[in-house]
C-alpha atoms as a PDB file:
ATOM      1  CA  LEU A   1      12.424   9.643   9.631  1.00  0.00           C
ATOM      2  CA  ARG A   2      12.458   9.675  13.438  1.00  0.00           C
ATOM      3  CA  LYS A   3      14.964  11.185  15.790  1.00  0.00           C
ATOM      4  CA  ARG A   4      17.002   8.929  18.050  1.00  0.00           C
ATOM      5  CA  GLY A   5      15.103   7.882  21.143  1.00  0.00           C
ATOM      6  CA  GLN A   6      11.714   7.842  19.421  1.00  0.00           C
ATOM      7  CA  GLU A   7      11.811   4.278  18.133  1.00  0.00           C
ATOM      8  CA  PRO A   8       8.836   2.103  19.135  1.00  0.00           C
ATOM      9  CA  SER A   9       9.617  -0.616  21.663  1.00  0.00           C
ATOM     10  CA  ARG A  10       9.526  -4.180  20.375  1.00  0.00           C
ATOM     11  CA  ALA A  11       9.403  -7.446  22.260  1.00  0.00           C
ATOM     12  CA  SER A  12      11.308  -9.625  19.835  1.00  0.00           C
ATOM     13  CA  ALA A  13      14.332  -9.738  17.576  1.00  0.00           C
ATOM     14  CA  PRO A  14      14.686  -7.217  14.733  1.00  0.00           C
ATOM     15  CA  SER A  15      13.537  -8.156  11.246  1.00  0.00           C
ATOM     16  CA  VAL A  16      15.837  -8.800   8.309  1.00  0.00           C
ATOM     17  CA  VAL A  17      15.044  -6.656   5.263  1.00  0.00           C
ATOM     18  CA  LEU A  18      16.874  -7.085   1.960  1.00  0.00           C
ATOM     19  CA  ARG A  19      16.839  -4.207  -0.475  1.00  0.00           C
ATOM     20  CA  PHE A  20      17.906  -4.911  -4.055  1.00  0.00           C
ATOM     21  CA  ARG A  21      19.863  -1.909  -5.270  1.00  0.00           C
ATOM     22  CA  GLY A  22      21.044  -0.448  -8.528  1.00  0.00           C
ATOM     23  CA  ARG A  23      22.752   2.913  -8.947  1.00  0.00           C
ATOM     24  CA  SER A  24      24.810   3.841  -5.911  1.00  0.00           C
ATOM     25  CA  GLY A  25      22.896   6.951  -4.869  1.00  0.00           C
ATOM     26  CA  HIS A  26      19.599   5.194  -5.364  1.00  0.00           C
ATOM     27  CA  ARG A  27      20.858   2.471  -3.016  1.00  0.00           C
ATOM     28  CA  HIS A  28      22.043   4.717  -0.184  1.00  0.00           C
ATOM     29  CA  ASP A  29      19.141   7.144   0.057  1.00  0.00           C
ATOM     30  CA  GLN A  30      16.562   4.318   0.031  1.00  0.00           C
ATOM     31  CA  SER A  31      18.409   2.211   2.609  1.00  0.00           C
ATOM     32  CA  THR A  32      18.520   5.076   5.121  1.00  0.00           C
ATOM     33  CA  ARG A  33      14.731   5.146   5.029  1.00  0.00           C
ATOM     34  CA  ILE A  34      14.632   1.599   6.354  1.00  0.00           C
ATOM     35  CA  CYS A  35      17.434   1.445   8.913  1.00  0.00           C
ATOM     36  CA  ARG A  36      19.919   3.615  10.763  1.00  0.00           C
ATOM     37  CA  GLY A  37      21.560   6.348   8.787  1.00  0.00           C
ATOM     38  CA  ALA A  38      24.885   8.027   9.481  1.00  0.00           C
ATOM     39  CA  SER A  39      23.372  11.493   9.235  1.00  0.00           C
ATOM     40  CA  PRO A  40      24.851  14.306  11.365  1.00  0.00           C
ATOM     41  CA  ASP A  41      21.474  15.077  13.001  1.00  0.00           C
ATOM     42  CA  ARG A  42      21.162  11.415  14.056  1.00  0.00           C
ATOM     43  CA  SER A  43      17.923  10.842  12.161  1.00  0.00           C
ATOM     44  CA  VAL A  44      17.041   7.197  11.738  1.00  0.00           C
ATOM     45  CA  GLY A  45      14.865   5.228   9.391  1.00  0.00           C
ATOM     46  CA  ILE A  46      11.559   3.454   9.852  1.00  0.00           C
ATOM     47  CA  MET A  47      13.175   0.296  11.293  1.00  0.00           C
ATOM     48  CA  PRO A  48      16.314   1.616  13.022  1.00  0.00           C
ATOM     49  CA  ASP A  49      17.115  -1.495  15.044  1.00  0.00           C
ATOM     50  CA  GLY A  50      16.467  -3.987  12.271  1.00  0.00           C
ATOM     51  CA  LEU A  51      19.026  -5.589  10.006  1.00  0.00           C
ATOM     52  CA  THR A  52      18.893  -4.082   6.517  1.00  0.00           C
ATOM     53  CA  LEU A  53      20.942  -5.721   3.803  1.00  0.00           C
ATOM     54  CA  SER A  54      21.680  -4.144   0.452  1.00  0.00           C
ATOM     55  CA  MET A  55      22.471  -6.232  -2.621  1.00  0.00           C
ATOM     56  CA  LYS A  56      23.452  -4.846  -6.007  1.00  0.00           C
ATOM     57  CA  ILE A  57      21.871  -6.711  -8.916  1.00  0.00           C
ATOM     58  CA  THR A  58      22.143  -3.919 -11.491  1.00  0.00           C
ATOM     59  CA  GLN A  59      24.878  -3.709 -14.108  1.00  0.00           C
ATOM     60  CA  ASN A  60      26.330  -0.491 -15.455  1.00  0.00           C
ATOM     61  CA  CYS A  61      26.192  -1.213 -19.176  1.00  0.00           C
ATOM     62  CA  ASN A  62      28.850   1.394 -19.875  1.00  0.00           C
ATOM     63  CA  ILE A  63      31.259  -0.844 -17.965  1.00  0.00           C
ATOM     64  CA  THR A  64      30.024  -4.392 -18.495  1.00  0.00           C
ATOM     65  CA  GLY A  65      28.359  -3.969 -21.864  1.00  0.00           C
ATOM     66  CA  CYS A  66      25.410  -5.992 -20.490  1.00  0.00           C
ATOM     67  CA  ASN A  67      24.717  -9.393 -21.939  1.00  0.00           C
ATOM     68  CA  GLU A  68      21.127  -8.892 -22.993  1.00  0.00           C
ATOM     69  CA  SER A  69      20.895  -7.876 -26.617  1.00  0.00           C
ATOM     70  CA  ASN A  70      17.841  -5.692 -26.069  1.00  0.00           C
ATOM     71  CA  SER A  71      19.461  -3.620 -23.318  1.00  0.00           C
ATOM     72  CA  SER A  72      19.936  -0.045 -24.493  1.00  0.00           C
ATOM     73  CA  ASP A  73      19.770   1.575 -21.047  1.00  0.00           C
ATOM     74  CA  THR A  74      22.712   2.747 -18.998  1.00  0.00           C
ATOM     75  CA  TYR A  75      21.701   0.351 -16.219  1.00  0.00           C
ATOM     76  CA  ALA A  76      20.140  -3.079 -16.600  1.00  0.00           C
ATOM     77  CA  ILE A  77      19.062  -6.007 -14.438  1.00  0.00           C
ATOM     78  CA  GLU A  78      19.647  -9.345 -16.082  1.00  0.00           C
ATOM     79  CA  ASP A  79      17.645 -12.424 -15.201  1.00  0.00           C
ATOM     80  CA  ASP A  80      20.523 -14.456 -13.819  1.00  0.00           C
ATOM     81  CA  ASP A  81      21.548 -11.678 -11.401  1.00  0.00           C
ATOM     82  CA  PHE A  82      17.925 -11.199 -10.316  1.00  0.00           C
ATOM     83  CA  TYR A  83      17.431 -14.944  -9.894  1.00  0.00           C
ATOM     84  CA  TRP A  84      20.508 -15.516  -7.719  1.00  0.00           C
ATOM     85  CA  GLY A  85      19.674 -12.468  -5.629  1.00  0.00           C
ATOM     86  CA  VAL A  86      16.239 -13.884  -4.833  1.00  0.00           C
ATOM     87  CA  LYS A  87      17.683 -17.339  -4.145  1.00  0.00           C
ATOM     88  CA  TRP A  88      20.239 -15.831  -1.761  1.00  0.00           C
ATOM     89  CA  ALA A  89      17.407 -14.099   0.090  1.00  0.00           C
ATOM     90  CA  SER A  90      15.487 -17.369   0.319  1.00  0.00           C
ATOM     91  CA  ASN A  91      18.506 -19.142   1.798  1.00  0.00           C
ATOM     92  CA  SER A  92      19.531 -16.394   4.216  1.00  0.00           C
ATOM     93  CA  GLY A  93      16.571 -15.774   6.513  1.00  0.00           C
ATOM     94  CA  VAL A  94      15.373 -12.589   4.799  1.00  0.00           C
ATOM     95  CA  GLU A  95      11.851 -11.627   5.885  1.00  0.00           C
ATOM     96  CA  VAL A  96      11.112  -8.652   3.605  1.00  0.00           C
ATOM     97  CA  LEU A  97      12.412  -8.084   0.065  1.00  0.00           C
ATOM     98  CA  SER A  98      12.237  -4.515  -1.277  1.00  0.00           C
ATOM     99  CA  MET A  99      12.411  -3.944  -5.049  1.00  0.00           C
ATOM    100  CA  SER A 100      12.435  -0.304  -6.198  1.00  0.00           C
ATOM    101  CA  PHE A 101      12.651  -0.952  -9.922  1.00  0.00           C
ATOM    102  CA  SER A 102      10.563  -2.269 -12.794  1.00  0.00           C
ATOM    103  CA  SER A 103      11.024  -4.149 -16.049  1.00  0.00           C
ATOM    104  CA  SER A 104       9.011  -4.757 -19.192  1.00  0.00           C
ATOM    105  CA  SER A 105       9.674  -8.502 -19.054  1.00  0.00           C
ATOM    106  CA  MET A 106      10.632 -11.259 -16.651  1.00  0.00           C
ATOM    107  CA  GLY A 107      12.075 -14.694 -17.297  1.00  0.00           C
ATOM    108  CA  ALA A 108      10.528 -17.893 -15.977  1.00  0.00           C
ATOM    109  CA  SER A 109      13.459 -18.505 -13.625  1.00  0.00           C
ATOM    110  CA  VAL A 110      12.942 -15.153 -11.878  1.00  0.00           C
ATOM    111  CA  TYR A 111       9.181 -15.690 -11.670  1.00  0.00           C
ATOM    112  CA  ASN A 112       9.671 -19.114 -10.098  1.00  0.00           C
ATOM    113  CA  ALA A 113      12.268 -17.793  -7.651  1.00  0.00           C
ATOM    114  CA  LEU A 114       9.947 -14.990  -6.488  1.00  0.00           C
ATOM    115  CA  TYR A 115       7.005 -17.399  -6.303  1.00  0.00           C
ATOM    116  CA  ASP A 116       8.984 -19.779  -4.097  1.00  0.00           C
ATOM    117  CA  ALA A 117      10.322 -16.913  -1.975  1.00  0.00           C
ATOM    118  CA  TYR A 118       6.772 -15.862  -1.089  1.00  0.00           C
ATOM    119  CA  TYR A 119       4.884 -19.143  -0.881  1.00  0.00           C
ATOM    120  CA  THR A 120       7.637 -21.471   0.336  1.00  0.00           C
ATOM    121  CA  ASP A 121      10.170 -19.271   2.142  1.00  0.00           C
ATOM    122  CA  ASP A 122       7.640 -16.818   3.617  1.00  0.00           C
ATOM    123  CA  ILE A 123       9.340 -13.628   2.350  1.00  0.00           C
ATOM    124  CA  LEU A 124       7.131 -10.561   1.942  1.00  0.00           C
ATOM    125  CA  LEU A 125       7.787  -9.099  -1.519  1.00  0.00           C
ATOM    126  CA  LEU A 126       7.406  -5.359  -2.150  1.00  0.00           C
ATOM    127  CA  ALA A 127       7.838  -3.530  -5.471  1.00  0.00           C
ATOM    128  CA  ALA A 128       7.538   0.072  -6.629  1.00  0.00           C
ATOM    129  CA  THR A 129       4.562   0.713  -8.922  1.00  0.00           C
ATOM    130  CA  GLY A 130       6.248   3.482 -10.914  1.00  0.00           C
ATOM    131  CA  ASN A 131       6.071   7.261 -11.029  1.00  0.00           C
ATOM    132  CA  ALA A 132       3.294   9.004 -12.927  1.00  0.00           C
ATOM    133  CA  GLY A 133       4.177   9.869 -16.495  1.00  0.00           C
ATOM    134  CA  SER A 134       7.560   8.170 -16.454  1.00  0.00           C
ATOM    135  CA  GLU A 135       7.021   4.439 -15.994  1.00  0.00           C
ATOM    136  CA  SER A 136       5.454   1.842 -18.260  1.00  0.00           C
ATOM    137  CA  SER A 137       7.050  -1.407 -17.099  1.00  0.00           C
ATOM    138  CA  ASP A 138       4.949  -4.030 -15.355  1.00  0.00           C
ATOM    139  CA  TYR A 139       7.288  -6.407 -13.507  1.00  0.00           C
ATOM    140  CA  PRO A 140       7.596  -7.364 -10.725  1.00  0.00           C
ATOM    141  CA  ARG A 141       4.836  -5.088  -9.451  1.00  0.00           C
ATOM    142  CA  GLN A 142       1.948  -6.765 -11.291  1.00  0.00           C
ATOM    143  CA  LEU A 143       2.612 -10.269  -9.950  1.00  0.00           C
ATOM    144  CA  SER A 144      -0.223 -11.284  -7.613  1.00  0.00           C
ATOM    145  CA  PHE A 145       2.180 -12.355  -4.855  1.00  0.00           C
ATOM    146  CA  VAL A 146       4.177  -9.100  -4.994  1.00  0.00           C
ATOM    147  CA  MET A 147       2.826  -6.153  -3.009  1.00  0.00           C
ATOM    148  CA  GLY A 148       2.690  -2.989  -5.117  1.00  0.00           C
ATOM    149  CA  VAL A 149       3.624   0.257  -3.349  1.00  0.00           C
ATOM    150  CA  GLY A 150       2.546   3.656  -4.627  1.00  0.00           C
ATOM    151  CA  GLY A 151       3.548   7.161  -3.576  1.00  0.00           C
ATOM    152  CA  LEU A 152       1.656  10.117  -2.153  1.00  0.00           C
ATOM    153  CA  ASN A 153       2.415  13.805  -2.389  1.00  0.00           C
ATOM    154  CA  SER A 154       2.489  15.867   0.801  1.00  0.00           C
ATOM    155  CA  ASP A 155      -1.160  16.876   0.215  1.00  0.00           C
ATOM    156  CA  GLY A 156      -2.228  13.224   0.100  1.00  0.00           C
ATOM    157  CA  SER A 157      -2.787  13.096  -3.651  1.00  0.00           C
ATOM    158  CA  ASN A 158      -1.539  10.137  -5.653  1.00  0.00           C
ATOM    159  CA  TYR A 159       2.004  10.460  -6.998  1.00  0.00           C
ATOM    160  CA  GLY A 160       2.449   7.306  -9.017  1.00  0.00           C
ATOM    161  CA  LEU A 161       0.560   4.814 -11.139  1.00  0.00           C
ATOM    162  CA  ASP A 162      -2.236   3.237  -9.104  1.00  0.00           C
ATOM    163  CA  GLN A 163      -3.084   0.261 -11.314  1.00  0.00           C
ATOM    164  CA  TYR A 164      -1.150  -2.203  -9.172  1.00  0.00           C
ATOM    165  CA  GLU A 165      -1.081  -0.351  -5.852  1.00  0.00           C
ATOM    166  CA  ASP A 166      -1.932  -2.239  -2.682  1.00  0.00           C
ATOM    167  CA  VAL A 167      -0.726   0.512  -0.342  1.00  0.00           C
ATOM    168  CA  SER A 168       0.918   3.938  -0.576  1.00  0.00           C
ATOM    169  CA  ALA A 169       3.406   5.934   1.469  1.00  0.00           C
ATOM    170  CA  TYR A 170       4.345   9.608   1.652  1.00  0.00           C
ATOM    171  CA  ALA A 171       7.275   9.610  -0.731  1.00  0.00           C
ATOM    172  CA  GLY A 172       6.222  11.399  -3.876  1.00  0.00           C
ATOM    173  CA  GLY A 173       7.150  14.864  -5.034  1.00  0.00           C
ATOM    174  CA  ASN A 174      10.307  15.140  -2.913  1.00  0.00           C
ATOM    175  CA  THR A 175       8.454  14.875   0.387  1.00  0.00           C
ATOM    176  CA  THR A 176      10.960  12.715   2.280  1.00  0.00           C
ATOM    177  CA  VAL A 177      14.593  13.193   3.203  1.00  0.00           C
ATOM    178  CA  ALA A 178      17.502  10.782   3.358  1.00  0.00           C
ATOM    179  CA  TYR A 179      21.189  10.878   4.146  1.00  0.00           C
ATOM    180  CA  CYS A 180      23.807   9.952   1.534  1.00  0.00           C
ATOM    181  CA  PRO A 181      27.198   8.918   2.905  1.00  0.00           C
ATOM    182  CA  PHE A 182      28.722   8.312  -0.525  1.00  0.00           C
ATOM    183  CA  PRO A 183      28.606  10.066  -3.902  1.00  0.00           C
ATOM    184  CA  GLY A 184      25.844   8.992  -6.254  1.00  0.00           C
ATOM    185  CA  SER A 185      23.661  10.247  -9.035  1.00  0.00           C
ATOM    186  CA  PHE A 186      20.621  10.455  -6.760  1.00  0.00           C
ATOM    187  CA  CYS A 187      21.990  12.347  -3.777  1.00  0.00           C
ATOM    188  CA  THR A 188      24.620  14.721  -2.436  1.00  0.00           C
ATOM    189  CA  PRO A 189      27.353  12.934  -0.469  1.00  0.00           C
ATOM    190  CA  GLY A 190      27.643  13.808   3.203  1.00  0.00           C
ATOM    191  CA  ALA A 191      24.307  15.596   3.412  1.00  0.00           C
ATOM    192  CA  THR A 192      20.588  15.054   3.752  1.00  0.00           C
ATOM    193  CA  THR A 193      18.563  15.743   0.650  1.00  0.00           C
ATOM    194  CA  SER A 194      14.902  15.780  -0.382  1.00  0.00           C
ATOM    195  CA  VAL A 195      14.003  12.971  -2.733  1.00  0.00           C
ATOM    196  CA  GLY A 196      10.829  11.210  -3.734  1.00  0.00           C
ATOM    197  CA  GLY A 197       9.130   8.675  -5.921  1.00  0.00           C
ATOM    198  CA  THR A 198       7.656   5.238  -5.459  1.00  0.00           C
ATOM    199  CA  SER A 199      11.165   3.857  -4.919  1.00  0.00           C
ATOM    200  CA  SER A 200      11.251   5.800  -1.657  1.00  0.00           C
ATOM    201  CA  ALA A 201       7.717   4.714  -0.820  1.00  0.00           C
ATOM    202  CA  THR A 202       8.710   1.069  -1.264  1.00  0.00           C
ATOM    203  CA  ALA A 203      11.631   1.468   1.134  1.00  0.00           C
ATOM    204  CA  ILE A 204       9.331   3.050   3.714  1.00  0.00           C
ATOM    205  CA  ALA A 205       6.800   0.231   3.282  1.00  0.00           C
ATOM    206  CA  ALA A 206       9.572  -2.349   3.706  1.00  0.00           C
ATOM    207  CA  GLY A 207      10.629  -0.749   6.982  1.00  0.00           C
ATOM    208  CA  ILE A 208       7.047  -0.800   8.294  1.00  0.00           C
ATOM    209  CA  ALA A 209       6.695  -4.442   7.248  1.00  0.00           C
ATOM    210  CA  GLY A 210       9.903  -5.177   9.148  1.00  0.00           C
ATOM    211  CA  LEU A 211       8.475  -3.579  12.285  1.00  0.00           C
ATOM    212  CA  VAL A 212       5.343  -5.722  12.036  1.00  0.00           C
ATOM    213  CA  ARG A 213       7.341  -8.919  11.584  1.00  0.00           C
ATOM    214  CA  ALA A 214       9.619  -8.019  14.515  1.00  0.00           C
ATOM    215  CA  ASN A 215       6.672  -7.283  16.773  1.00  0.00           C
ATOM    216  CA  GLU A 216       4.756 -10.435  15.787  1.00  0.00           C
ATOM    217  CA  PRO A 217       7.231 -12.989  14.417  1.00  0.00           C
ATOM    218  CA  SER A 218       4.523 -15.655  14.117  1.00  0.00           C
ATOM    219  CA  LEU A 219       2.785 -13.763  11.297  1.00  0.00           C
ATOM    220  CA  THR A 220       3.270 -15.149   7.805  1.00  0.00           C
ATOM    221  CA  ALA A 221       4.172 -12.998   4.814  1.00  0.00           C
ATOM    222  CA  GLN A 222       0.540 -13.149   3.660  1.00  0.00           C
ATOM    223  CA  GLN A 223      -0.668 -12.076   7.105  1.00  0.00           C
ATOM    224  CA  VAL A 224       1.767  -9.146   7.181  1.00  0.00           C
ATOM    225  CA  ARG A 225       0.622  -8.112   3.722  1.00  0.00           C
ATOM    226  CA  ASP A 226      -3.013  -8.247   4.870  1.00  0.00           C
ATOM    227  CA  ARG A 227      -2.113  -6.283   8.004  1.00  0.00           C
ATOM    228  CA  LEU A 228      -0.519  -3.470   6.005  1.00  0.00           C
ATOM    229  CA  ILE A 229      -3.565  -3.246   3.741  1.00  0.00           C
ATOM    230  CA  THR A 230      -6.278  -3.475   6.400  1.00  0.00           C
ATOM    231  CA  THR A 231      -4.656  -0.851   8.654  1.00  0.00           C
ATOM    232  CA  ALA A 232      -3.935   1.608   5.834  1.00  0.00           C
ATOM    233  CA  ARG A 233      -5.928   4.836   5.693  1.00  0.00           C
ATOM    234  CA  GLY A 234      -7.615   6.980   3.063  1.00  0.00           C
ATOM    235  CA  PRO A 235      -8.511   6.601  -0.631  1.00  0.00           C
ATOM    236  CA  HIS A 236      -4.972   5.579  -1.638  1.00  0.00           C
ATOM    237  CA  ASN A 237      -4.415   3.191   1.297  1.00  0.00           C
ATOM    238  CA  LYS A 238      -1.780   5.309   3.037  1.00  0.00           C
ATOM    239  CA  LEU A 239       0.396   3.174   5.302  1.00  0.00           C
ATOM    240  CA  ASP A 240       0.218   3.861   9.030  1.00  0.00           C
ATOM    241  CA  ALA A 241       3.203   2.369  10.885  1.00  0.00           C
ATOM    242  CA  LEU A 242       1.695   2.520  14.385  1.00  0.00           C
ATOM    243  CA  ALA A 243      -1.633   1.126  13.196  1.00  0.00           C
ATOM    244  CA  ALA A 244       0.128  -1.695  11.352  1.00  0.00           C
ATOM    245  CA  VAL A 245       2.195  -2.694  14.377  1.00  0.00           C
ATOM    246  CA  THR A 246      -0.766  -2.509  16.782  1.00  0.00           C
ATOM    247  CA  ASN A 247      -3.332  -3.852  14.277  1.00  0.00           C
ATOM    248  CA  ASP A 248      -5.465  -0.742  14.709  1.00  0.00           C
ATOM    249  CA  ARG A 249      -7.856  -0.919  11.775  1.00  0.00           C
ATOM    250  CA  PRO A 250      -9.624   2.196  10.481  1.00  0.00           C
ATOM    251  CA  LEU A 251     -13.359   2.732  10.842  1.00  0.00           C
ATOM    252  CA  GLN A 252     -15.365   0.931   8.162  1.00  0.00           C
ATOM    253  CA  VAL A 253     -19.096   0.864   7.424  1.00  0.00           C
ATOM    254  CA  THR A 254     -21.313  -1.035   4.995  1.00  0.00           C
ATOM    255  CA  ILE A 255     -25.059  -0.876   4.353  1.00  0.00           C
ATOM    256  CA  SER A 256     -27.148  -4.054   4.349  1.00  0.00           C
ATOM    257  CA  GLY A 257     -30.645  -4.169   2.926  1.00  0.00           C
ATOM    258  CA  PRO A 258     -32.588  -4.651  -0.324  1.00  0.00           C
ATOM    259  CA  THR A 259     -31.152  -3.410  -3.612  1.00  0.00           C
ATOM    260  CA  TYR A 260     -34.155  -4.459  -5.752  1.00  0.00           C
ATOM    261  CA  ILE A 261     -37.769  -3.754  -4.744  1.00  0.00           C
ATOM    262  CA  ASN A 262     -40.721  -5.029  -6.783  1.00  0.00           C
ATOM    263  CA  ALA A 263     -43.567  -4.829  -4.253  1.00  0.00           C
ATOM    264  CA  VAL A 264     -45.192  -1.990  -2.323  1.00  0.00           C
ATOM    265  CA  GLY A 265     -44.298  -2.007   1.364  1.00  0.00           C
ATOM    266  CA  LEU A 266     -42.041  -0.883   4.208  1.00  0.00           C
ATOM    267  CA  TYR A 267     -38.339  -1.696   3.798  1.00  0.00           C
ATOM    268  CA  ASP A 268     -35.367  -1.473   6.160  1.00  0.00           C
ATOM    269  CA  TRP A 269     -31.661  -0.833   5.734  1.00  0.00           C
ATOM    270  CA  GLU A 270     -28.961  -1.124   8.393  1.00  0.00           C
ATOM    271  CA  ALA A 271     -25.560   0.499   8.845  1.00  0.00           C
ATOM    272  CA  ASN A 272     -22.887  -2.019   9.889  1.00  0.00           C
ATOM    273  CA  PRO A 273     -19.826  -0.230  11.296  1.00  0.00           C
ATOM    274  CA  SER A 274     -16.677  -1.928  12.502  1.00  0.00           C
ATOM    275  CA  TYR A 275     -13.510  -0.771  14.262  1.00  0.00           C
ATOM    276  CA  GLY A 276     -13.232   2.922  15.129  1.00  0.00           C
ATOM    277  CA  ASN A 277     -12.064   4.323  18.463  1.00  0.00           C
ATOM    278  CA  SER A 278     -15.293   5.361  20.250  1.00  0.00           C
ATOM    279  CA  ALA A 279     -19.101   5.214  20.051  1.00  0.00           C
ATOM    280  CA  TYR A 280     -20.713   5.445  16.615  1.00  0.00           C
ATOM    281  CA  SER A 281     -22.939   8.238  15.337  1.00  0.00           C
ATOM    282  CA  TYR A 282     -24.938   7.920  12.120  1.00  0.00           C
ATOM    283  CA  SER A 283     -26.126  10.274   9.388  1.00  0.00           C
ATOM    284  CA  TRP A 284     -28.370   8.920   6.597  1.00  0.00           C
ATOM    285  CA  GLU A 285     -28.975  10.752   3.330  1.00  0.00           C
ATOM    286  CA  PHE A 286     -31.442  10.149   0.467  1.00  0.00           C
ATOM    287  CA  SER A 287     -31.062  10.972  -3.215  1.00  0.00           C
ATOM    288  CA  ASN A 288     -33.038  10.332  -6.405  1.00  0.00           C
ATOM    289  CA  ASP A 289     -30.026  10.798  -8.668  1.00  0.00           C
ATOM    290  CA  GLY A 290     -26.886  10.224  -6.579  1.00  0.00           C
ATOM    291  CA  SER A 291     -25.961  13.905  -6.812  1.00  0.00           C
ATOM    292  CA  ASN A 292     -28.493  15.873  -4.784  1.00  0.00           C
ATOM    293  CA  TRP A 293     -28.817  14.661  -1.206  1.00  0.00           C
ATOM    294  CA  SER A 294     -31.239  15.370   1.639  1.00  0.00           C
ATOM    295  CA  PRO A 295     -31.025  14.289   5.317  1.00  0.00           C
ATOM    296  CA  ALA A 296     -32.909  11.059   6.035  1.00  0.00           C
ATOM    297  CA  GLY A 297     -32.131   9.890   9.572  1.00  0.00           C
ATOM    298  CA  SER A 298     -29.634   9.588  12.411  1.00  0.00           C
ATOM    299  CA  GLY A 299     -30.065   6.045  13.705  1.00  0.00           C
ATOM    300  CA  LYS A 300     -28.334   2.753  12.995  1.00  0.00           C
ATOM    301  CA  ASP A 301     -31.322   1.673  10.869  1.00  0.00           C
ATOM    302  CA  TYR A 302     -33.260   3.451   8.159  1.00  0.00           C
ATOM    303  CA  SER A 303     -36.830   2.574   7.084  1.00  0.00           C
ATOM    304  CA  ARG A 304     -38.777   3.791   4.082  1.00  0.00           C
ATOM    305  CA  TYR A 305     -42.211   3.008   2.642  1.00  0.00           C
ATOM    306  CA  ILE A 306     -42.041   2.297  -1.088  1.00  0.00           C
ATOM    307  CA  GLY A 307     -45.206   3.026  -3.032  1.00  0.00           C
ATOM    308  CA  SER A 308     -46.329   2.210  -6.555  1.00  0.00           C
ATOM    309  CA  THR A 309     -45.116   5.548  -7.949  1.00  0.00           C
ATOM    310  CA  ASP A 310     -41.660   5.559  -6.352  1.00  0.00           C
ATOM    311  CA  THR A 311     -38.582   5.380  -8.567  1.00  0.00           C
ATOM    312  CA  ASP A 312     -34.984   4.273  -8.157  1.00  0.00           C
ATOM    313  CA  PHE A 313     -33.088   5.994  -5.358  1.00  0.00           C
ATOM    314  CA  VAL A 314     -29.772   6.045  -3.486  1.00  0.00           C
ATOM    315  CA  LEU A 315     -29.015   5.829   0.230  1.00  0.00           C
ATOM    316  CA  ARG A 316     -25.817   6.994   1.867  1.00  0.00           C
ATOM    317  CA  VAL A 317     -24.797   6.614   5.483  1.00  0.00           C
ATOM    318  CA  THR A 318     -21.886   8.388   7.146  1.00  0.00           C
ATOM    319  CA  VAL A 319     -20.598   7.007  10.432  1.00  0.00           C
ATOM    320  CA  THR A 320     -18.357   8.911  12.827  1.00  0.00           C
ATOM    321  CA  SER A 321     -16.318   7.341  15.623  1.00  0.00           C
ATOM    322  CA  GLY A 322     -14.113   9.780  17.514  1.00  0.00           C
ATOM    323  CA  SER A 323     -11.873  11.419  14.927  1.00  0.00           C
ATOM    324  CA  GLU A 324     -12.635   8.857  12.200  1.00  0.00           C
ATOM    325  CA  THR A 325     -15.344   8.989   9.543  1.00  0.00           C
ATOM    326  CA  ASP A 326     -16.428   6.525   6.882  1.00  0.00           C
ATOM    327  CA  SER A 327     -19.409   6.252   4.523  1.00  0.00           C
ATOM    328  CA  ASP A 328     -21.126   3.756   2.252  1.00  0.00           C
ATOM    329  CA  THR A 329     -23.573   4.188  -0.632  1.00  0.00           C
ATOM    330  CA  HIS A 330     -26.427   1.830  -1.579  1.00  0.00           C
ATOM    331  CA  TRP A 331     -28.238   1.978  -4.955  1.00  0.00           C
ATOM    332  CA  ILE A 332     -31.821   0.660  -4.958  1.00  0.00           C
ATOM    333  CA  THR A 333     -33.814  -0.292  -8.064  1.00  0.00           C
ATOM    334  CA  VAL A 334     -37.595   0.143  -7.683  1.00  0.00           C
ATOM    335  CA  ALA A 335     -39.940  -1.835  -9.963  1.00  0.00           C
ATOM    336  CA  THR A 336     -43.254  -1.647  -8.101  1.00  0.00           C
ATOM    337  CA  SER A 337     -45.076  -0.267 -11.152  1.00  0.00           C
ATOM    338  CA  CYS A 338     -44.328  -3.338 -13.284  1.00  0.00           C
ATOM    339  CA  TYR A 339     -47.112  -5.754 -14.203  1.00  0.00           C
ATOM    340  CA  PRO A 340     -46.642  -9.397 -13.151  1.00  0.00           C
ATOM    341  CA  GLN A 341     -44.085 -11.331 -15.211  1.00  0.00           C
ATOM    342  CA  VAL A 342     -42.836  -8.095 -16.815  1.00  0.00           C
ATOM    343  CA  ILE A 343     -39.213  -7.145 -16.327  1.00  0.00           C
ATOM    344  CA  CYS A 344     -38.702  -3.388 -15.924  1.00  0.00           C
END
């Protein structure tokens, strides 16, 4: 959350983000991550000037009984409620749809509605991927056109299930705070409270997506999704709001060169860095087993003579640009000792 007066400037109209909600506390604490909250210290969410809508599609089965025969939970989302919620979003100019829930099944009508929302109505779809050890449901997070959002602990370690993660946000292990104006099972009314989980991460991701769409309204949902992924940082693709809005991609490097050598001679490999924020510096390393490394060079290119007695080896290059670092590893198979027409 940011304090008032620290919101990034934007040149266009605010985005419209719709958050499907269930239990009341779960609704309020997630929504304050996206938009303005009514907290006493005037903290605001990721997208404070955007329009965030909240729609309840969850039934309390203790009250309604729930129509689905297989529903034994206290709360349930039935297909018809889910379907009409998505259709309302498609007809109402929503640009980002945040879904902090999961289900073990999904009807064809809901699938088709989500499919049309993304491909026809240009709505970016975000879904929580589930918290480690407590979630086993697959929908909607595993759909190819739904962006899966994972959670990170404060130390950067993964909080949730990473099978369907496209990006992650700091929201695991009670590492974010939110304000709850009303009583609910997830928060204390009238106070800020620490909460976590991939539900929170999804709300944060939705707010960042809203900022990107507000700053560049011409971007499609697919382009915004790509932007969030390509500007994310670290092994779990941690979202970076400023980088996403400014399209500041992290340093990346790949090695080009032979991966199979079957003749004696001199061979070359090249480091191919992209992005970064200053000049590149290079550090090559050589290994026979991929575990024990020795320095091998400091230029953009690396050359090595391969003789008849050489064996398989591994190259690794680490590139530094300002405060950023990235590396790539290249495995090379050597078959110079093979007789002609013999596969080694």
